[in-house]
């Protein structure tokens, strides 16, 4: 993916998310009326300026974020919520305060990438872009921690209109051809922006068949006598017979913390559902009886136990991050001793399901299926 396209994708998330009010100024071109009633640009010191199609970018909605890969600041237009200016810096170190030239920046290679995106809607599938290749960016101050402040100043910045043509490359990944337009429009900006930095959660970028699991009903079950001590069951808001389950398959007590699910599902590199202590799975059932279903087992990602009060009426809060569930085949078999077992195997080239979500509920008592066991004994 071109660098320009990747930062536009990031900008879409920030530009269309909740933003904060912040003290922001923009030195857009101002006018005053002459004695004849006509408007003239207000002038100060005479200096040569670029004749741009658009001038200035005012905003009182500014957001800034950072992660291990860099930081960005995004200013949303007060006239159009889907138009925003963004400054992006991909680095693992905060820049020193100072003035940085934007001259010579390209969409493929920019230390500081400054651009404006005009999106048709929240999805931003149709976009008009402008990319800065002239002017300077001053880092007035930056404190790259949660709640820290970043202050920037753009001077004599000229952005040129670009075409953005998405395509799928030979590796099957999304990419884009981004080129400056001949005789395209231009956008001149002199402005100052500031905002508090918020830590950006890493997006699950796995190429999954299904993405996300919006919760309908969330229930939690506790049992201090069986082999499985607790479970959280989440019913899909979109399909009443599809459930996501987070289960402790042991009588062990887990403390609050983050757990790597791959360590709990694999034994010497082999899928081992029966021996897993913590497991996350999804069942897509065709009806309430769930005689026919498609199953998915977590193989990647983390489960964070935020809160766990192990008693009936207690609260459980869990968080799934970058979890990938792989499609599995489920087969009931009878072993040589005549006992029933469930055999679970990964489906080769099967479908996948990516989930990032937080779920909480109060524990209900999990009832043992005593009647069924008695029937089997008879």
Protein backbone atom coordinates (compact mmCIF):
# COMPACT_ATOMS: atom_id res chain seq x y z
CA UNK A 1 0.00 0.00 0.00
CA UNK A 2 1.27 3.46 -0.78
CA UNK A 3 2.14 5.58 2.21
CA UNK A 4 -0.38 8.19 1.10
CA UNK A 5 -3.23 5.65 1.00
CA UNK A 6 -2.40 4.22 4.41
CA UNK A 7 -2.48 7.61 6.09
CA UNK A 8 -5.77 8.46 4.41
CA UNK A 9 -7.21 5.30 5.94
CA UNK A 10 -5.96 6.41 9.34
CA UNK A 11 -7.32 9.89 8.79
CA UNK A 12 -10.77 8.50 8.08
CA UNK A 13 -10.88 6.84 11.48
CA UNK A 14 -9.83 10.03 13.24
CA UNK A 15 -11.77 12.49 11.14
CA UNK A 16 -15.03 10.57 11.55
CA UNK A 17 -14.56 9.76 15.25
CA UNK A 18 -15.44 11.88 18.25
CA UNK A 19 -13.19 14.93 18.38
CA UNK A 20 -12.48 17.46 21.08
CA UNK A 21 -12.99 21.18 21.20
CA UNK A 22 -9.59 22.85 21.26
CA UNK A 23 -8.18 26.34 20.95
CA UNK A 24 -7.21 26.49 17.30
CA UNK A 25 -6.45 29.34 14.97
CA UNK A 26 -6.16 29.48 11.23
CA UNK A 27 -4.63 32.38 9.33
CA UNK A 28 -7.04 32.12 6.42
CA UNK A 29 -7.25 34.98 3.97
CA UNK A 30 -9.43 37.78 5.31
CA UNK A 31 -11.16 40.56 3.40
CA UNK A 32 -12.42 44.06 4.03
CA UNK A 33 -14.77 46.27 2.05
CA UNK A 34 -13.45 49.23 0.10
CA UNK A 35 -15.26 52.54 -0.23
CA UNK A 36 -16.77 51.24 -3.47
CA UNK A 37 -18.31 48.28 -1.67
CA UNK A 38 -16.04 45.71 -3.29
CA UNK A 39 -14.05 43.24 -1.26
CA UNK A 40 -10.27 43.24 -1.32
CA UNK A 41 -7.81 40.97 0.41
CA UNK A 42 -6.50 42.54 3.60
CA UNK A 43 -2.78 43.02 3.17
CA UNK A 44 0.14 43.40 5.50
CA UNK A 45 3.70 43.30 4.35
CA UNK A 46 3.90 42.89 0.61
CA UNK A 47 5.25 39.47 -0.32
CA UNK A 48 4.84 37.10 -3.21
CA UNK A 49 2.07 34.53 -2.62
CA UNK A 50 0.86 31.46 -4.49
CA UNK A 51 -2.48 31.93 -6.25
CA UNK A 52 -4.39 28.98 -4.71
CA UNK A 53 -7.88 27.72 -5.46
CA UNK A 54 -8.65 27.55 -1.73
CA UNK A 55 -7.06 29.46 1.13
CA UNK A 56 -6.96 28.68 4.84
CA UNK A 57 -8.34 25.84 6.94
CA UNK A 58 -10.19 26.90 10.06
CA UNK A 59 -11.16 24.34 12.68
CA UNK A 60 -12.29 24.21 16.30
CA UNK A 61 -12.48 20.39 16.26
CA UNK A 62 -9.02 18.89 16.63
CA UNK A 63 -7.86 15.43 17.70
CA UNK A 64 -4.41 13.93 18.12
CA UNK A 65 -3.29 10.37 18.70
CA UNK A 66 -0.13 8.33 18.99
CA UNK A 67 1.02 4.71 19.01
CA UNK A 68 4.30 2.83 18.71
CA UNK A 69 4.49 3.71 15.00
CA UNK A 70 4.08 7.48 15.26
CA UNK A 71 1.58 10.26 15.89
CA UNK A 72 -0.87 12.45 14.03
CA UNK A 73 -3.09 15.48 14.50
CA UNK A 74 -6.33 15.95 12.59
CA UNK A 75 -8.41 19.13 12.20
CA UNK A 76 -12.02 18.85 11.01
CA UNK A 77 -13.64 21.53 8.89
CA UNK A 78 -16.50 23.32 10.68
CA UNK A 79 -18.33 23.58 7.35
CA UNK A 80 -18.09 19.90 6.35
CA UNK A 81 -17.58 17.12 8.91
CA UNK A 82 -16.09 14.84 6.24
CA UNK A 83 -13.35 17.29 5.24
CA UNK A 84 -10.25 17.32 7.38
CA UNK A 85 -6.60 18.31 7.40
CA UNK A 86 -4.10 15.87 8.84
CA UNK A 87 -0.43 15.91 9.78
CA UNK A 88 1.06 12.46 10.10
CA UNK A 89 4.51 11.43 11.32
CA UNK A 90 5.53 7.78 11.19
CA UNK A 91 8.35 7.35 13.68
CA UNK A 92 9.22 5.55 16.89
CA UNK A 93 10.68 8.73 18.39
CA UNK A 94 9.08 12.11 19.02
CA UNK A 95 10.49 14.89 16.81
CA UNK A 96 12.46 17.72 18.37
CA UNK A 97 10.69 21.10 18.38
CA UNK A 98 11.73 23.10 15.34
CA UNK A 99 10.86 24.01 11.76
CA UNK A 100 10.74 21.25 9.13
CA UNK A 101 10.55 21.88 5.39
CA UNK A 102 7.83 20.14 3.37
CA UNK A 103 9.55 20.93 0.06
CA UNK A 104 10.16 17.82 -2.01
CA UNK A 105 7.70 15.63 -0.09
CA UNK A 106 6.05 12.92 -2.18
CA UNK A 107 3.12 10.63 -1.52
CA UNK A 108 5.57 7.72 -1.34
CA UNK A 109 8.18 9.43 0.82
CA UNK A 110 7.29 12.08 3.39
CA UNK A 111 8.82 12.43 6.85
CA UNK A 112 5.92 14.67 7.80
CA UNK A 113 2.88 14.00 5.61
CA UNK A 114 0.47 16.93 5.44
CA UNK A 115 -2.74 16.56 3.47
CA UNK A 116 -6.41 17.46 3.21
CA UNK A 117 -9.11 14.89 2.49
CA UNK A 118 -12.59 15.75 1.22
CA UNK A 119 -14.75 12.66 1.69
CA UNK A 120 -18.22 12.19 0.27
CA UNK A 121 -19.43 10.45 3.46
CA UNK A 122 -18.27 8.68 6.61
CA UNK A 123 -16.98 5.66 4.68
CA UNK A 124 -14.71 7.94 2.61
CA UNK A 125 -14.82 5.61 -0.39
CA UNK A 126 -15.01 8.63 -2.69
CA UNK A 127 -12.25 11.08 -1.88
CA UNK A 128 -10.67 14.25 -3.20
CA UNK A 129 -7.15 14.66 -1.87
CA UNK A 130 -4.62 17.47 -1.57
CA UNK A 131 -0.99 16.80 -0.65
CA UNK A 132 1.57 19.32 0.68
CA UNK A 133 4.82 19.73 -1.26
CA UNK A 134 5.67 23.32 -0.32
CA UNK A 135 5.98 25.31 2.88
CA UNK A 136 7.07 24.37 6.37
CA UNK A 137 5.78 22.62 9.49
CA UNK A 138 6.88 23.87 12.88
CA UNK A 139 6.67 21.52 15.85
CA UNK A 140 6.08 24.07 18.57
CA UNK A 141 5.88 21.44 21.30
CA UNK A 142 5.08 17.76 21.69
CA UNK A 143 4.75 15.54 24.74
CA UNK A 144 4.11 12.01 23.36
CA UNK A 145 2.25 10.52 26.33
CA UNK A 146 -1.42 10.02 27.14
CA UNK A 147 -2.79 13.49 27.89
CA UNK A 148 0.32 15.23 26.55
CA UNK A 149 -0.07 18.17 24.20
CA UNK A 150 1.10 18.61 20.62
CA UNK A 151 1.25 22.09 19.07
CA UNK A 152 2.05 22.62 15.38
CA UNK A 153 2.20 25.53 12.96
CA UNK A 154 1.90 25.46 9.16
CA UNK A 155 3.52 28.32 7.22
CA UNK A 156 3.22 29.03 3.47
CA UNK A 157 1.98 25.47 2.90
CA UNK A 158 0.71 24.66 -0.58
CA UNK A 159 -1.18 21.39 -1.19
CA UNK A 160 -1.78 20.08 -4.69
CA UNK A 161 -4.78 18.02 -5.78
CA UNK A 162 -4.10 14.32 -6.27
CA UNK A 163 -5.98 11.42 -7.82
CA UNK A 164 -6.49 8.32 -5.70
CA UNK A 165 -7.18 5.10 -7.63
CA UNK A 166 -7.57 2.02 -5.38
CA UNK A 167 -6.72 -1.44 -6.72
CA UNK A 168 -5.88 -4.96 -5.52
CA UNK A 169 -2.21 -5.81 -6.00
CA UNK A 170 -0.69 -9.18 -6.93
CA UNK A 171 -0.53 -10.18 -3.25
CA UNK A 172 -4.27 -9.65 -2.92
CA UNK A 173 -3.82 -6.55 -0.74
CA UNK A 174 -5.50 -3.17 -1.14
CA UNK A 175 -3.26 -0.59 -2.75
CA UNK A 176 -3.67 2.69 -4.60
CA UNK A 177 -2.17 4.75 -7.36
CA UNK A 178 -1.77 8.31 -6.11
CA UNK A 179 -0.64 11.00 -8.55
CA UNK A 180 -0.52 14.79 -8.65
CA UNK A 181 -3.04 16.12 -11.13
CA UNK A 182 -1.88 18.33 -13.98
CA UNK A 183 -3.62 21.68 -13.68
CA UNK A 184 -5.33 20.41 -10.52
CA UNK A 185 -6.67 22.62 -7.78
CA UNK A 186 -4.49 23.90 -4.92
CA UNK A 187 -5.02 24.67 -1.26
CA UNK A 188 -2.90 27.19 0.67
CA UNK A 189 -2.80 26.96 4.47
CA UNK A 190 -1.19 29.03 7.22
CA UNK A 191 -2.51 27.76 10.52
CA UNK A 192 -1.79 26.64 14.07
CA UNK A 193 -3.34 23.60 15.73
CA UNK A 194 -3.05 22.01 19.16
CA UNK A 195 -4.63 19.07 20.93
CA UNK A 196 -4.14 16.53 23.69
CA UNK A 197 -2.71 13.21 22.56
CA UNK A 198 -4.74 10.05 23.02
CA UNK A 199 -3.20 6.60 22.76
CA UNK A 200 -4.47 4.90 19.63
CA UNK A 201 -5.48 1.25 19.96
CA UNK A 202 -3.90 -0.89 17.30
CA UNK A 203 -6.45 -1.91 14.72
CA UNK A 204 -6.88 -5.58 14.01
CA UNK A 205 -5.64 -5.68 10.42
CA UNK A 206 -5.93 -9.42 9.88
CA UNK A 207 -7.63 -10.25 6.60
CA UNK A 208 -10.60 -12.06 8.11
CA UNK A 209 -13.76 -13.36 6.48
CA UNK A 210 -15.86 -11.82 9.25
CA UNK A 211 -14.95 -8.82 11.38
CA UNK A 212 -16.32 -7.72 14.72
CA UNK A 213 -18.98 -9.16 17.01
CA UNK A 214 -21.63 -6.68 18.11
CA UNK A 215 -23.21 -7.84 21.32
CA UNK A 216 -26.90 -8.34 21.84
CA UNK A 217 -27.51 -10.13 25.14
CA UNK A 218 -24.49 -10.82 27.39
CA UNK A 219 -24.75 -13.43 30.16
CA UNK A 220 -22.20 -14.95 32.52
CA UNK A 221 -22.36 -18.29 34.34
CA UNK A 222 -20.52 -19.47 37.44
CA UNK A 223 -20.13 -22.98 38.84
CA UNK A 224 -17.86 -23.76 41.78
CA UNK A 225 -18.40 -27.51 41.56
CA UNK A 226 -17.87 -28.52 37.94
CA UNK A 227 -14.75 -28.76 35.77
CA UNK A 228 -15.49 -25.39 34.18
CA UNK A 229 -15.74 -22.60 36.73
CA UNK A 230 -17.10 -19.72 34.61
CA UNK A 231 -18.13 -18.60 31.15
CA UNK A 232 -19.31 -15.46 29.37
CA UNK A 233 -21.84 -15.96 26.57
CA UNK A 234 -22.49 -13.17 24.04
CA UNK A 235 -25.41 -13.38 21.64
CA UNK A 236 -24.88 -11.63 18.31
CA UNK A 237 -26.97 -8.50 17.80
CA UNK A 238 -27.33 -9.52 14.14
CA UNK A 239 -28.11 -13.25 14.46
CA UNK A 240 -29.94 -14.67 17.49
CA UNK A 241 -28.50 -18.18 17.03
CA UNK A 242 -24.88 -17.04 16.81
CA UNK A 243 -22.97 -16.92 20.07
CA UNK A 244 -19.46 -15.97 21.18
CA UNK A 245 -18.31 -17.76 24.32
CA UNK A 246 -15.34 -17.04 26.57
CA UNK A 247 -14.79 -19.98 28.90
CA UNK A 248 -12.50 -21.04 31.67
CA UNK A 249 -12.42 -24.79 31.07
CA UNK A 250 -10.75 -25.56 34.41
CA UNK A 251 -11.44 -25.09 38.10
CA UNK A 252 -8.42 -22.77 38.27
CA UNK A 253 -8.84 -19.19 39.40
CA UNK A 254 -7.42 -16.60 37.00
CA UNK A 255 -6.33 -13.21 38.30
CA UNK A 256 -7.04 -9.98 36.48
CA UNK A 257 -4.52 -9.60 33.66
CA UNK A 258 -3.81 -10.19 29.98
CA UNK A 259 -3.60 -13.77 28.66
CA UNK A 260 -2.23 -14.92 25.30
CA UNK A 261 -4.91 -17.18 23.82
CA UNK A 262 -2.43 -18.98 21.55
CA UNK A 263 -0.69 -20.34 24.65
CA UNK A 264 -3.94 -21.85 25.86
CA UNK A 265 -5.13 -23.51 22.66
CA UNK A 266 -1.98 -25.10 21.28
CA UNK A 267 0.03 -27.96 22.78
CA UNK A 268 3.41 -28.40 21.08
CA UNK A 269 2.02 -26.65 18.02
CA UNK A 270 -1.09 -28.86 17.83
CA UNK A 271 -4.64 -27.64 18.39
CA UNK A 272 -5.75 -28.96 21.77
CA UNK A 273 -9.21 -27.72 22.68
CA UNK A 274 -9.84 -30.23 25.49
CA UNK A 275 -6.64 -29.26 27.29
CA UNK A 276 -7.08 -25.51 26.85
CA UNK A 277 -7.58 -23.57 30.07
CA UNK A 278 -8.98 -20.42 28.47
CA UNK A 279 -10.78 -20.63 25.15
CA UNK A 280 -12.82 -18.27 22.98
CA UNK A 281 -15.14 -19.72 20.37
CA UNK A 282 -18.05 -18.75 18.14
CA UNK A 283 -20.92 -21.01 17.14
CA UNK A 284 -23.10 -20.09 14.15
CA UNK A 285 -26.23 -22.18 14.58
CA UNK A 286 -29.03 -22.56 12.06
CA UNK A 287 -31.72 -22.74 14.76
CA UNK A 288 -32.31 -22.88 18.52
CA UNK A 289 -31.39 -26.58 18.76
CA UNK A 290 -28.03 -25.90 17.11
CA UNK A 291 -27.85 -29.38 15.57
CA UNK A 292 -26.11 -27.82 12.58
CA UNK A 293 -23.55 -25.13 13.16
CA UNK A 294 -20.28 -23.62 12.00
CA UNK A 295 -17.63 -23.30 14.68
CA UNK A 296 -14.67 -20.96 15.12
CA UNK A 297 -11.88 -21.31 17.72
CA UNK A 298 -9.51 -18.54 18.84
CA UNK A 299 -5.90 -19.14 17.82
CA UNK A 300 -4.44 -15.62 17.98
CA UNK A 301 -4.90 -12.58 20.21
CA UNK A 302 -5.29 -11.76 23.87
CA UNK A 303 -7.98 -12.05 26.51
CA UNK A 304 -7.82 -9.45 29.26
CA UNK A 305 -9.67 -10.24 32.46
CA UNK A 306 -10.47 -6.75 33.66
CA UNK A 307 -12.57 -7.80 36.64
CA UNK A 308 -13.52 -11.20 38.00
CA UNK A 309 -15.67 -11.60 41.12
CA UNK A 310 -16.03 -15.39 41.25
CA UNK A 311 -19.39 -15.81 42.88
CA UNK A 312 -23.02 -15.79 41.85
CA UNK A 313 -23.99 -12.13 41.50
CA UNK A 314 -20.38 -11.11 41.04
CA UNK A 315 -19.21 -9.10 38.04
CA UNK A 316 -17.00 -10.28 35.22
CA UNK A 317 -15.46 -7.89 32.69
CA UNK A 318 -13.35 -9.14 29.79
CA UNK A 319 -11.68 -7.58 26.76
CA UNK A 320 -10.66 -9.28 23.51
CA UNK A 321 -7.85 -7.69 21.49
CA UNK A 322 -6.67 -8.73 18.02
CA UNK A 323 -8.43 -12.07 18.41
CA UNK A 324 -8.58 -14.27 15.31
CA UNK A 325 -10.87 -17.28 15.36
CA UNK A 326 -10.36 -20.02 12.77
CA UNK A 327 -13.09 -22.23 11.37
CA UNK A 328 -13.08 -25.73 12.83
CA UNK A 329 -14.78 -29.03 12.14
CA UNK A 330 -16.56 -30.59 15.11
CA UNK A 331 -17.20 -34.33 15.19
CA UNK A 332 -18.67 -36.47 17.94
CA UNK A 333 -16.80 -39.79 18.21
CA UNK A 334 -17.00 -42.90 20.38
CA UNK A 335 -13.66 -44.12 21.68
CA UNK A 336 -12.65 -47.73 22.27
CA UNK A 337 -14.04 -47.55 25.81
CA UNK A 338 -17.42 -46.53 24.49
CA UNK A 339 -17.15 -42.97 25.75
CA UNK A 340 -18.23 -39.97 23.72
CA UNK A 341 -15.65 -37.34 22.77
CA UNK A 342 -15.71 -34.21 20.65
CA UNK A 343 -12.97 -34.01 18.04
CA UNK A 344 -12.15 -30.48 16.90
CA UNK A 345 -9.83 -29.79 13.98
CA UNK A 346 -8.90 -26.67 12.07
CA UNK A 347 -10.47 -26.52 8.60
CA UNK A 348 -7.82 -26.14 5.93
CA UNK A 349 -8.34 -22.83 4.08
CA UNK A 350 -11.35 -22.28 6.34
CA UNK A 351 -13.00 -18.99 7.15
CA UNK A 352 -11.81 -16.66 9.89
CA UNK A 353 -13.42 -14.22 12.31
CA UNK A 354 -11.62 -11.19 13.80
CA UNK A 355 -12.94 -9.78 17.07
CA UNK A 356 -12.00 -6.83 19.25
CA UNK A 357 -14.57 -6.25 21.96
CA UNK A 358 -15.36 -5.66 25.63
CA UNK A 359 -18.09 -7.58 27.46
CA UNK A 360 -19.38 -7.59 31.03
CA UNK A 361 -22.17 -9.25 32.99
CA UNK A 362 -23.15 -10.51 36.45
CA UNK A 363 -22.64 -14.19 37.16
CA UNK A 364 -25.66 -16.48 37.19
CA UNK A 365 -25.49 -19.96 38.66
CA UNK A 366 -24.73 -22.50 35.95
CA UNK A 367 -27.05 -25.48 36.31
CA UNK A 368 -25.63 -28.95 35.98
CA UNK A 369 -27.33 -31.20 33.45
CA UNK A 370 -28.11 -33.83 36.09
CA UNK A 371 -31.15 -35.27 34.37
CA UNK A 372 -29.21 -35.94 31.18
CA UNK A 373 -26.45 -37.67 33.14
CA UNK A 374 -28.96 -39.88 34.98
CA UNK A 375 -30.56 -40.91 31.68
CA UNK A 376 -27.16 -41.87 30.27
CA UNK A 377 -26.42 -44.00 33.38
CA UNK A 378 -29.72 -45.89 32.97
